[in-house]
Every structure is written in structure tokens, then in C-alpha cells.
Amino acid sequence: MGGSLNRNELMSVATTQTGLDDFGDIPFHEPLDVLIDTYCAPVYSACCGRRNTPSPI
């Protein structure tokens, strides 16, 4: 994935790696976007660093 994350790319990678594409009816898009925004925020990157997260994220 590129320098920043987005929901569609993340879901595409999940589908590619697992072969599964049905994420169910649970409305998780907004919470996932919040998680991604938090993960990509400069404060998170400074304190936790992306190096601690397994690739390909």
C-alpha cells in the first residue's frame, strides 16, 4: 500500500490475502475510517510508529 491508508485499499488487501470478500452487514465503515485516521495521525506515528505494525499496512 502507499504512503497513506484508506478503507478501500485495506479491504482490498484483506480480500486478496484471504480470498474472502463478504464483510457482512455490520456497519463498520465509519469506525474503520476513525481507526485509520487515528493510525495515520502524526501524533500516533510519532509515539507508536508504523514500524511496529505488521506489513503490508
Protein backbone atom coordinates (compact mmCIF):
# COMPACT_ATOMS: atom_id res chain seq x y z
CA MET A 1 0.00 0.00 0.00
CA GLY A 2 1.06 3.56 -0.49
CA GLY A 3 2.08 6.21 1.99
CA SER A 4 -1.38 6.59 3.45
CA LEU A 5 -4.15 4.16 4.24
CA ASN A 6 -7.73 4.20 3.14
CA ARG A 7 -10.63 1.87 3.74
CA ASN A 8 -10.93 0.61 0.17
CA GLU A 9 -7.25 -0.30 -0.11
CA LEU A 10 -7.29 -2.01 3.28
CA MET A 11 -10.37 -4.04 2.38
CA SER A 12 -8.86 -4.92 -1.00
CA VAL A 13 -5.70 -6.24 0.66
CA ALA A 14 -7.81 -8.24 3.13
CA THR A 15 -9.78 -9.74 0.26
CA THR A 16 -6.63 -10.57 -1.69
CA GLN A 17 -4.90 -12.20 1.27
CA THR A 18 -7.90 -14.21 2.48
CA GLY A 19 -9.91 -14.79 -0.66
CA LEU A 20 -12.98 -13.56 1.23
CA ASP A 21 -14.97 -10.55 0.11
CA ASP A 22 -18.15 -10.61 2.21
CA PHE A 23 -17.62 -8.25 5.13
CA GLY A 24 -21.19 -8.79 6.34
CA ASP A 25 -23.95 -6.35 7.15
CA ILE A 26 -22.29 -4.83 10.21
CA PRO A 27 -21.93 -1.07 9.70
CA PHE A 28 -18.18 -0.94 10.31
CA HIS A 29 -17.11 1.57 7.66
CA GLU A 30 -17.28 4.65 9.89
CA PRO A 31 -15.44 3.03 12.85
CA LEU A 32 -12.84 1.66 10.44
CA ASP A 33 -12.32 5.13 8.98
CA VAL A 34 -11.84 6.52 12.51
CA LEU A 35 -9.28 3.80 13.26
CA ILE A 36 -7.40 4.50 10.03
CA ASP A 37 -7.46 8.27 10.65
CA THR A 38 -6.09 7.71 14.16
CA TYR A 39 -3.42 5.34 12.90
CA CYS A 40 -2.32 7.84 10.26
CA ALA A 41 -2.36 10.86 12.57
CA PRO A 42 1.04 12.47 13.19
CA VAL A 43 0.74 12.01 16.96
CA TYR A 44 0.19 8.26 16.62
CA SER A 45 3.02 7.94 14.11
CA ALA A 46 5.37 9.85 16.40
CA CYS A 47 4.60 7.86 19.55
CA CYS A 48 3.93 4.40 18.16
CA GLY A 49 5.46 4.42 14.71
CA ARG A 50 4.36 2.42 11.74
CA ARG A 51 7.39 0.20 12.15
CA ASN A 52 5.55 -1.58 14.96
CA THR A 53 2.69 -2.57 12.67
CA PRO A 54 2.99 -5.69 10.56
CA SER A 55 3.12 -5.10 6.83
CA PRO A 56 1.56 -4.60 4.32
CA ILE A 57 -0.18 -1.81 6.21
